[in-house]
Amino acid sequence: MQFFCNLITTPKITRTFLLGLALFSSVAFTKNLAIDPTNIYPKVKLETSMGVIIVELDRVKAPMTVDNFLTYVVTGEYNNTIFHRIVEDFIVQGGGYDADFIPKKTNGDIINESGNGLKNEIGTIAMAKENRPHTANRQFFFNINDNTNLDPGRRWGYAVFGMIMEGEEVLEAIAKVKTEYNEAIGWENVPLAPIILIKATLLPSE
């Protein structure tokens, strides 16, 4: 009731509040529309400096993870990032840094959906995280092998949210590039020559 009375006695504030609410709702709707929440298995085209990879995402089993990933896709946040960690016969990881190894902004951490039944099998895409379970945000990786040690068991695993549909040969080539320890940033398994994710695009629904 107090809130209702304030609205009556302060019409200017009311108009400002309602305008802000309308703008917020409009942005939220546009964002949801952009990621097409009705598409259960959206596909994303990843144009890399070594070729094109197309992944199909699983919104049924990993809805929060898929929507998080698509938000970075439709806002162009993955464009011109690098695959900064490549371990042959294990993973190809990227999405978090530009070519100068400067971290890209994040939208915050998400809930770990690793218990969704999807396994870290060869050709799947999963979210990277820190040791704590709910710390994934924008970095992702491709499994180059059947990495059962990344699946959940008596501890949290790494959430798989899709798989490669086209471009397996491109991923295989990326996985075989030469890497080294980079003293400047103190990382292992850094490609000698940058592997760029030039552009990520959400493909139209079929």
C-alpha atoms as a PDB file:
ATOM      1  CA  MET A   1       0.000   0.000   0.000  1.00  0.00           C
ATOM      2  CA  GLN A   2       2.846   2.391   0.817  1.00  0.00           C
ATOM      3  CA  PHE A   3       4.322   1.756  -2.627  1.00  0.00           C
ATOM      4  CA  PHE A   4       0.939   2.410  -4.261  1.00  0.00           C
ATOM      5  CA  CYS A   5       0.563   5.732  -2.399  1.00  0.00           C
ATOM      6  CA  ASN A   6       4.030   6.852  -3.455  1.00  0.00           C
ATOM      7  CA  LEU A   7       3.184   6.209  -7.080  1.00  0.00           C
ATOM      8  CA  ILE A   8       0.146   8.454  -6.817  1.00  0.00           C
ATOM      9  CA  THR A   9       1.943  11.337  -5.113  1.00  0.00           C
ATOM     10  CA  THR A  10       5.085  11.272  -7.316  1.00  0.00           C
ATOM     11  CA  PRO A  11       3.913  10.983 -10.952  1.00  0.00           C
ATOM     12  CA  LYS A  12       7.313  12.026 -12.373  1.00  0.00           C
ATOM     13  CA  ILE A  13       9.064   9.209 -10.534  1.00  0.00           C
ATOM     14  CA  THR A  14       6.296   6.849 -11.615  1.00  0.00           C
ATOM     15  CA  ARG A  15       6.770   7.706 -15.263  1.00  0.00           C
ATOM     16  CA  THR A  16      10.523   7.271 -14.964  1.00  0.00           C
ATOM     17  CA  PHE A  17      10.114   3.934 -13.200  1.00  0.00           C
ATOM     18  CA  LEU A  18       7.621   2.617 -15.729  1.00  0.00           C
ATOM     19  CA  LEU A  19       9.767   3.783 -18.649  1.00  0.00           C
ATOM     20  CA  GLY A  20      12.772   2.031 -17.167  1.00  0.00           C
ATOM     21  CA  LEU A  21      10.750  -1.121 -16.607  1.00  0.00           C
ATOM     22  CA  ALA A  22       9.507  -1.026 -20.202  1.00  0.00           C
ATOM     23  CA  LEU A  23      13.030  -0.577 -21.539  1.00  0.00           C
ATOM     24  CA  PHE A  24      14.301  -3.435 -19.385  1.00  0.00           C
ATOM     25  CA  SER A  25      11.503  -5.705 -20.585  1.00  0.00           C
ATOM     26  CA  SER A  26      12.205  -4.728 -24.186  1.00  0.00           C
ATOM     27  CA  VAL A  27      15.918  -5.530 -23.877  1.00  0.00           C
ATOM     28  CA  ALA A  28      15.167  -8.854 -22.160  1.00  0.00           C
ATOM     29  CA  PHE A  29      12.669  -9.796 -24.857  1.00  0.00           C
ATOM     30  CA  THR A  30      15.075  -8.841 -27.636  1.00  0.00           C
ATOM     31  CA  LYS A  31      17.829 -10.852 -26.021  1.00  0.00           C
ATOM     32  CA  ASN A  32      15.594 -13.906 -25.683  1.00  0.00           C
ATOM     33  CA  LEU A  33      14.392 -13.469 -29.231  1.00  0.00           C
ATOM     34  CA  ALA A  34      17.994 -13.296 -30.460  1.00  0.00           C
ATOM     35  CA  ILE A  35      18.937 -16.627 -28.930  1.00  0.00           C
ATOM     36  CA  ASP A  36      15.657 -18.198 -30.134  1.00  0.00           C
ATOM     37  CA  PRO A  37      14.523 -20.012 -26.952  1.00  0.00           C
ATOM     38  CA  THR A  38      12.070 -22.149 -28.962  1.00  0.00           C
ATOM     39  CA  ASN A  39      14.914 -23.884 -30.817  1.00  0.00           C
ATOM     40  CA  ILE A  40      15.672 -27.004 -28.767  1.00  0.00           C
ATOM     41  CA  TYR A  41      18.821 -27.970 -30.698  1.00  0.00           C
ATOM     42  CA  PRO A  42      20.369 -24.716 -31.968  1.00  0.00           C
ATOM     43  CA  LYS A  43      23.393 -24.830 -34.237  1.00  0.00           C
ATOM     44  CA  VAL A  44      26.355 -22.463 -34.134  1.00  0.00           C
ATOM     45  CA  LYS A  45      28.906 -21.891 -36.881  1.00  0.00           C
ATOM     46  CA  LEU A  46      32.449 -21.288 -35.653  1.00  0.00           C
ATOM     47  CA  GLU A  47      34.700 -19.739 -38.284  1.00  0.00           C
ATOM     48  CA  THR A  48      38.288 -20.330 -37.209  1.00  0.00           C
ATOM     49  CA  SER A  49      41.615 -19.464 -38.789  1.00  0.00           C
ATOM     50  CA  MET A  50      41.938 -23.154 -39.671  1.00  0.00           C
ATOM     51  CA  GLY A  51      38.440 -23.787 -41.013  1.00  0.00           C
ATOM     52  CA  VAL A  52      34.764 -23.989 -40.085  1.00  0.00           C
ATOM     53  CA  ILE A  53      33.234 -26.023 -37.252  1.00  0.00           C
ATOM     54  CA  ILE A  54      29.481 -26.392 -36.736  1.00  0.00           C
ATOM     55  CA  VAL A  55      28.157 -27.515 -33.367  1.00  0.00           C
ATOM     56  CA  GLU A  56      24.673 -28.575 -32.344  1.00  0.00           C
ATOM     57  CA  LEU A  57      23.729 -27.615 -28.799  1.00  0.00           C
ATOM     58  CA  ASP A  58      21.371 -29.517 -26.490  1.00  0.00           C
ATOM     59  CA  ARG A  59      18.944 -27.165 -24.754  1.00  0.00           C
ATOM     60  CA  VAL A  60      16.944 -30.124 -23.381  1.00  0.00           C
ATOM     61  CA  LYS A  61      19.773 -31.421 -21.193  1.00  0.00           C
ATOM     62  CA  ALA A  62      21.782 -28.227 -20.677  1.00  0.00           C
ATOM     63  CA  PRO A  63      19.358 -25.281 -20.980  1.00  0.00           C
ATOM     64  CA  MET A  64      21.241 -22.766 -18.812  1.00  0.00           C
ATOM     65  CA  THR A  65      24.611 -23.630 -20.330  1.00  0.00           C
ATOM     66  CA  VAL A  66      23.274 -23.376 -23.895  1.00  0.00           C
ATOM     67  CA  ASP A  67      21.581 -20.021 -23.292  1.00  0.00           C
ATOM     68  CA  ASN A  68      24.740 -18.711 -21.633  1.00  0.00           C
ATOM     69  CA  PHE A  69      26.876 -19.784 -24.600  1.00  0.00           C
ATOM     70  CA  LEU A  70      24.398 -18.356 -27.134  1.00  0.00           C
ATOM     71  CA  THR A  71      24.342 -15.020 -25.330  1.00  0.00           C
ATOM     72  CA  TYR A  72      28.072 -14.654 -25.974  1.00  0.00           C
ATOM     73  CA  VAL A  73      27.546 -15.783 -29.572  1.00  0.00           C
ATOM     74  CA  VAL A  74      24.758 -13.346 -30.521  1.00  0.00           C
ATOM     75  CA  THR A  75      26.509 -10.390 -28.862  1.00  0.00           C
ATOM     76  CA  GLY A  76      29.707 -11.051 -30.836  1.00  0.00           C
ATOM     77  CA  GLU A  77      31.731 -11.697 -27.697  1.00  0.00           C
ATOM     78  CA  TYR A  78      33.408 -14.794 -29.110  1.00  0.00           C
ATOM     79  CA  ASN A  79      34.525 -13.049 -32.284  1.00  0.00           C
ATOM     80  CA  ASN A  80      38.302 -12.624 -32.608  1.00  0.00           C
ATOM     81  CA  THR A  81      39.125 -14.708 -29.559  1.00  0.00           C
ATOM     82  CA  ILE A  82      41.756 -17.438 -29.434  1.00  0.00           C
ATOM     83  CA  PHE A  83      42.078 -21.097 -28.604  1.00  0.00           C
ATOM     84  CA  HIS A  84      44.651 -20.535 -25.884  1.00  0.00           C
ATOM     85  CA  ARG A  85      45.082 -24.079 -24.550  1.00  0.00           C
ATOM     86  CA  ILE A  86      45.552 -27.119 -26.760  1.00  0.00           C
ATOM     87  CA  VAL A  87      46.469 -30.531 -25.403  1.00  0.00           C
ATOM     88  CA  GLU A  88      46.696 -33.230 -28.080  1.00  0.00           C
ATOM     89  CA  ASP A  89      44.471 -36.240 -27.416  1.00  0.00           C
ATOM     90  CA  PHE A  90      42.726 -34.291 -24.644  1.00  0.00           C
ATOM     91  CA  ILE A  91      41.113 -30.884 -25.266  1.00  0.00           C
ATOM     92  CA  VAL A  92      41.060 -27.675 -27.337  1.00  0.00           C
ATOM     93  CA  GLN A  93      40.054 -24.748 -25.121  1.00  0.00           C
ATOM     94  CA  GLY A  94      39.122 -21.178 -26.020  1.00  0.00           C
ATOM     95  CA  GLY A  95      36.645 -18.339 -25.839  1.00  0.00           C
ATOM     96  CA  GLY A  96      38.202 -16.320 -23.027  1.00  0.00           C
ATOM     97  CA  TYR A  97      41.045 -14.229 -24.454  1.00  0.00           C
ATOM     98  CA  ASP A  98      41.937 -12.067 -27.432  1.00  0.00           C
ATOM     99  CA  ALA A  99      45.121 -12.518 -29.476  1.00  0.00           C
ATOM    100  CA  ASP A 100      47.077 -10.448 -26.928  1.00  0.00           C
ATOM    101  CA  PHE A 101      45.938 -12.788 -24.123  1.00  0.00           C
ATOM    102  CA  ILE A 102      43.790 -10.059 -22.620  1.00  0.00           C
ATOM    103  CA  PRO A 103      40.770 -11.559 -20.804  1.00  0.00           C
ATOM    104  CA  LYS A 104      37.386 -10.825 -22.341  1.00  0.00           C
ATOM    105  CA  LYS A 105      34.537  -9.623 -20.138  1.00  0.00           C
ATOM    106  CA  THR A 106      32.241 -12.221 -18.594  1.00  0.00           C
ATOM    107  CA  ASN A 107      28.535 -12.180 -17.808  1.00  0.00           C
ATOM    108  CA  GLY A 108      29.013 -13.959 -14.508  1.00  0.00           C
ATOM    109  CA  ASP A 109      29.315 -17.606 -13.491  1.00  0.00           C
ATOM    110  CA  ILE A 110      26.594 -20.172 -14.197  1.00  0.00           C
ATOM    111  CA  ILE A 111      25.193 -23.258 -12.509  1.00  0.00           C
ATOM    112  CA  ASN A 112      27.108 -26.464 -13.262  1.00  0.00           C
ATOM    113  CA  GLU A 113      24.915 -28.775 -15.368  1.00  0.00           C
ATOM    114  CA  SER A 114      27.434 -31.627 -15.550  1.00  0.00           C
ATOM    115  CA  GLY A 115      24.917 -34.102 -14.141  1.00  0.00           C
ATOM    116  CA  ASN A 116      22.719 -33.880 -17.242  1.00  0.00           C
ATOM    117  CA  GLY A 117      23.713 -37.275 -18.645  1.00  0.00           C
ATOM    118  CA  LEU A 118      25.912 -35.946 -21.455  1.00  0.00           C
ATOM    119  CA  LYS A 119      29.442 -37.334 -21.340  1.00  0.00           C
ATOM    120  CA  ASN A 120      32.801 -35.764 -22.160  1.00  0.00           C
ATOM    121  CA  GLU A 121      33.199 -37.928 -25.226  1.00  0.00           C
ATOM    122  CA  ILE A 122      35.225 -37.219 -28.340  1.00  0.00           C
ATOM    123  CA  GLY A 123      33.649 -34.483 -30.461  1.00  0.00           C
ATOM    124  CA  THR A 124      31.607 -32.894 -27.685  1.00  0.00           C
ATOM    125  CA  ILE A 125      31.747 -29.280 -26.484  1.00  0.00           C
ATOM    126  CA  ALA A 126      31.792 -28.500 -22.762  1.00  0.00           C
ATOM    127  CA  MET A 127      32.277 -25.584 -20.394  1.00  0.00           C
ATOM    128  CA  ALA A 128      35.616 -24.883 -18.738  1.00  0.00           C
ATOM    129  CA  LYS A 129      35.623 -23.967 -15.060  1.00  0.00           C
ATOM    130  CA  GLU A 130      37.844 -23.495 -12.031  1.00  0.00           C
ATOM    131  CA  ASN A 131      38.151 -26.117  -9.301  1.00  0.00           C
ATOM    132  CA  ARG A 132      34.974 -24.885  -7.632  1.00  0.00           C
ATOM    133  CA  PRO A 133      31.890 -26.368  -9.342  1.00  0.00           C
ATOM    134  CA  HIS A 134      29.839 -23.328 -10.335  1.00  0.00           C
ATOM    135  CA  THR A 135      32.570 -21.183 -11.901  1.00  0.00           C
ATOM    136  CA  ALA A 136      32.008 -21.632 -15.643  1.00  0.00           C
ATOM    137  CA  ASN A 137      31.254 -18.431 -17.550  1.00  0.00           C
ATOM    138  CA  ARG A 138      32.512 -18.015 -21.123  1.00  0.00           C
ATOM    139  CA  GLN A 139      35.422 -20.391 -21.741  1.00  0.00           C
ATOM    140  CA  PHE A 140      34.590 -23.662 -23.459  1.00  0.00           C
ATOM    141  CA  PHE A 141      36.499 -26.659 -24.769  1.00  0.00           C
ATOM    142  CA  PHE A 142      36.205 -29.488 -27.265  1.00  0.00           C
ATOM    143  CA  ASN A 143      36.915 -33.035 -26.162  1.00  0.00           C
ATOM    144  CA  ILE A 144      39.524 -34.601 -28.466  1.00  0.00           C
ATOM    145  CA  ASN A 145      39.206 -37.938 -26.687  1.00  0.00           C
ATOM    146  CA  ASP A 146      36.770 -39.803 -24.452  1.00  0.00           C
ATOM    147  CA  ASN A 147      37.658 -37.904 -21.293  1.00  0.00           C
ATOM    148  CA  THR A 148      35.744 -39.879 -18.680  1.00  0.00           C
ATOM    149  CA  ASN A 149      37.807 -38.226 -15.941  1.00  0.00           C
ATOM    150  CA  LEU A 150      35.947 -34.976 -16.704  1.00  0.00           C
ATOM    151  CA  ASP A 151      32.527 -36.529 -16.075  1.00  0.00           C
ATOM    152  CA  PRO A 152      30.793 -36.179 -12.695  1.00  0.00           C
ATOM    153  CA  GLY A 153      31.120 -38.937 -10.136  1.00  0.00           C
ATOM    154  CA  ARG A 154      31.846 -38.304  -6.470  1.00  0.00           C
ATOM    155  CA  ARG A 155      32.699 -34.762  -7.510  1.00  0.00           C
ATOM    156  CA  TRP A 156      31.321 -32.202  -9.935  1.00  0.00           C
ATOM    157  CA  GLY A 157      32.291 -32.660 -13.571  1.00  0.00           C
ATOM    158  CA  TYR A 158      32.516 -30.428 -16.627  1.00  0.00           C
ATOM    159  CA  ALA A 159      29.175 -29.692 -18.264  1.00  0.00           C
ATOM    160  CA  VAL A 160      28.792 -30.975 -21.830  1.00  0.00           C
ATOM    161  CA  PHE A 161      26.206 -29.014 -23.814  1.00  0.00           C
ATOM    162  CA  GLY A 162      26.576 -30.074 -27.452  1.00  0.00           C
ATOM    163  CA  MET A 163      28.568 -31.850 -30.113  1.00  0.00           C
ATOM    164  CA  ILE A 164      30.276 -31.251 -33.443  1.00  0.00           C
ATOM    165  CA  MET A 165      28.124 -31.804 -36.520  1.00  0.00           C
ATOM    166  CA  GLU A 166      30.601 -30.618 -39.163  1.00  0.00           C
ATOM    167  CA  GLY A 167      34.315 -29.817 -39.198  1.00  0.00           C
ATOM    168  CA  GLU A 168      35.754 -32.727 -37.248  1.00  0.00           C
ATOM    169  CA  GLU A 169      38.824 -32.589 -39.492  1.00  0.00           C
ATOM    170  CA  VAL A 170      39.315 -28.923 -38.616  1.00  0.00           C
ATOM    171  CA  LEU A 171      39.259 -29.701 -34.904  1.00  0.00           C
ATOM    172  CA  GLU A 172      41.683 -32.586 -35.416  1.00  0.00           C
ATOM    173  CA  ALA A 173      44.091 -30.246 -37.215  1.00  0.00           C
ATOM    174  CA  ILE A 174      43.818 -27.654 -34.440  1.00  0.00           C
ATOM    175  CA  ALA A 175      44.513 -30.333 -31.838  1.00  0.00           C
ATOM    176  CA  LYS A 176      47.794 -31.201 -33.555  1.00  0.00           C
ATOM    177  CA  VAL A 177      49.361 -27.714 -33.713  1.00  0.00           C
ATOM    178  CA  LYS A 178      52.629 -27.187 -31.882  1.00  0.00           C
ATOM    179  CA  THR A 179      52.412 -25.687 -28.429  1.00  0.00           C
ATOM    180  CA  GLU A 180      54.848 -24.480 -25.789  1.00  0.00           C
ATOM    181  CA  TYR A 181      55.152 -23.033 -22.318  1.00  0.00           C
ATOM    182  CA  ASN A 182      54.550 -19.294 -22.606  1.00  0.00           C
ATOM    183  CA  GLU A 183      56.791 -17.492 -20.118  1.00  0.00           C
ATOM    184  CA  ALA A 184      55.071 -14.126 -20.540  1.00  0.00           C
ATOM    185  CA  ILE A 185      51.780 -15.459 -19.199  1.00  0.00           C
ATOM    186  CA  GLY A 186      53.029 -18.543 -17.361  1.00  0.00           C
ATOM    187  CA  TRP A 187      50.820 -21.040 -19.214  1.00  0.00           C
ATOM    188  CA  GLU A 188      51.471 -24.499 -20.578  1.00  0.00           C
ATOM    189  CA  ASN A 189      50.101 -25.793 -23.907  1.00  0.00           C
ATOM    190  CA  VAL A 190      49.901 -22.416 -25.685  1.00  0.00           C
ATOM    191  CA  PRO A 191      49.931 -22.620 -29.532  1.00  0.00           C
ATOM    192  CA  LEU A 192      53.092 -21.231 -31.126  1.00  0.00           C
ATOM    193  CA  ALA A 193      50.931 -19.453 -33.725  1.00  0.00           C
ATOM    194  CA  PRO A 194      47.547 -18.025 -32.644  1.00  0.00           C
ATOM    195  CA  ILE A 195      44.491 -20.092 -33.564  1.00  0.00           C
ATOM    196  CA  ILE A 196      41.704 -17.535 -33.962  1.00  0.00           C
ATOM    197  CA  LEU A 197      37.978 -17.948 -33.550  1.00  0.00           C
ATOM    198  CA  ILE A 198      37.184 -15.317 -36.154  1.00  0.00           C
ATOM    199  CA  LYS A 199      33.410 -15.374 -35.826  1.00  0.00           C
ATOM    200  CA  ALA A 200      30.662 -17.331 -34.068  1.00  0.00           C
ATOM    201  CA  THR A 201      27.189 -17.252 -35.611  1.00  0.00           C
ATOM    202  CA  LEU A 202      23.867 -18.684 -34.452  1.00  0.00           C
ATOM    203  CA  LEU A 203      22.423 -20.404 -37.509  1.00  0.00           C
ATOM    204  CA  PRO A 204      18.732 -19.999 -38.471  1.00  0.00           C
ATOM    205  CA  SER A 205      16.316 -22.601 -37.139  1.00  0.00           C
ATOM    206  CA  GLU A 206      15.673 -25.432 -39.558  1.00  0.00           C
END
